[in-house]
Amino acid sequence: MDYVWNEKTLAWFKVASAHTGFHANLARLVRPLIADCETICDVGCGLGLLDLELAQDVRDILCVDRNEAAIGALNELLRARGTRNVVARAMDANALVGERWDAAIMSFFGSSLEDIARFLTLCDKRMILIVHEKSSTGRRVNAISLRAKPFGAAEVSGFLSERGLRFRETRAALEFGQPFKSLADARDFIRTYASLASHAASAADEAAWERLCEDMERRLARTGRADYPLYLPKRKNLAVFAVEKSAIRDLS
């Protein structure tokens, strides 16, 4: 399923990124891979926080996502920061036709490995693929993400190697947990994601709901901060691939 963006999930996502420095740390991994690039297209950009970090490094970035709530929130951030070289479009990335960029980014995006081949056509120099280390069926609640992970690093590496594509791979483990203002905030977080996942813990199943909350509360850490005194840790294991366009032979 697609990530569900609404007022609450957008706010939690922005706070988690700022608190952990996740997108700043991710940008440090990507930055050397785009050193010779002036233009970038981020396919399935979501809230575009990685692009905000990379905006200082390139001339122009186009952010594309079909979720209007995410693009609306990104445009608000762009206006607030005065960022002029990033453009956000609410559209299906498959509709991108007749435009090209030095690099294309797919960050935790794509429903199949064939999407990699499809979006490679958008770039002249290379594609940057950011994927989870391992695939999964998704729909977890306390681990934050609801989305399935249809392919992991091993699947991507095999797909690229079979097609004779030259690539570089970097593995990393970055913290991307969720800070909370209060225990009530943490409980609201779990209830919201449980509802979005159609989890057994719903308003009609208080026993299952309480079990989810108790599991979450056991893992909460005390931060000592006045603004966000509670934190739900999460280590995100990922791989970053830089796929060189010049090495492409046959993607069929």
Foldseek 3Di string as FASTA:
>chain_A
DDDDDDPLVVVQQVQLCVVFVQLVVVLVVCLVLCQVFAEEEEAQCQLVPNVVNCLVRHQAYEYEEQDPNSLVNNVVVCVVVVRDRYHYDNDHPLPDPDAAGQEYEYALDDDDLLVVVVCLVRHDWWYKYKAFQAFACALDQLLPTRHGRNGHDVVNVVLCVVQQWDKDKDKDKGKRWTFAQDLVRVLVSRQVSCVVSVHPDHPVRPVVSVVSSVVQVVQWDQDPDNRGRIIRIHITIIMIMITTSVRGDDND
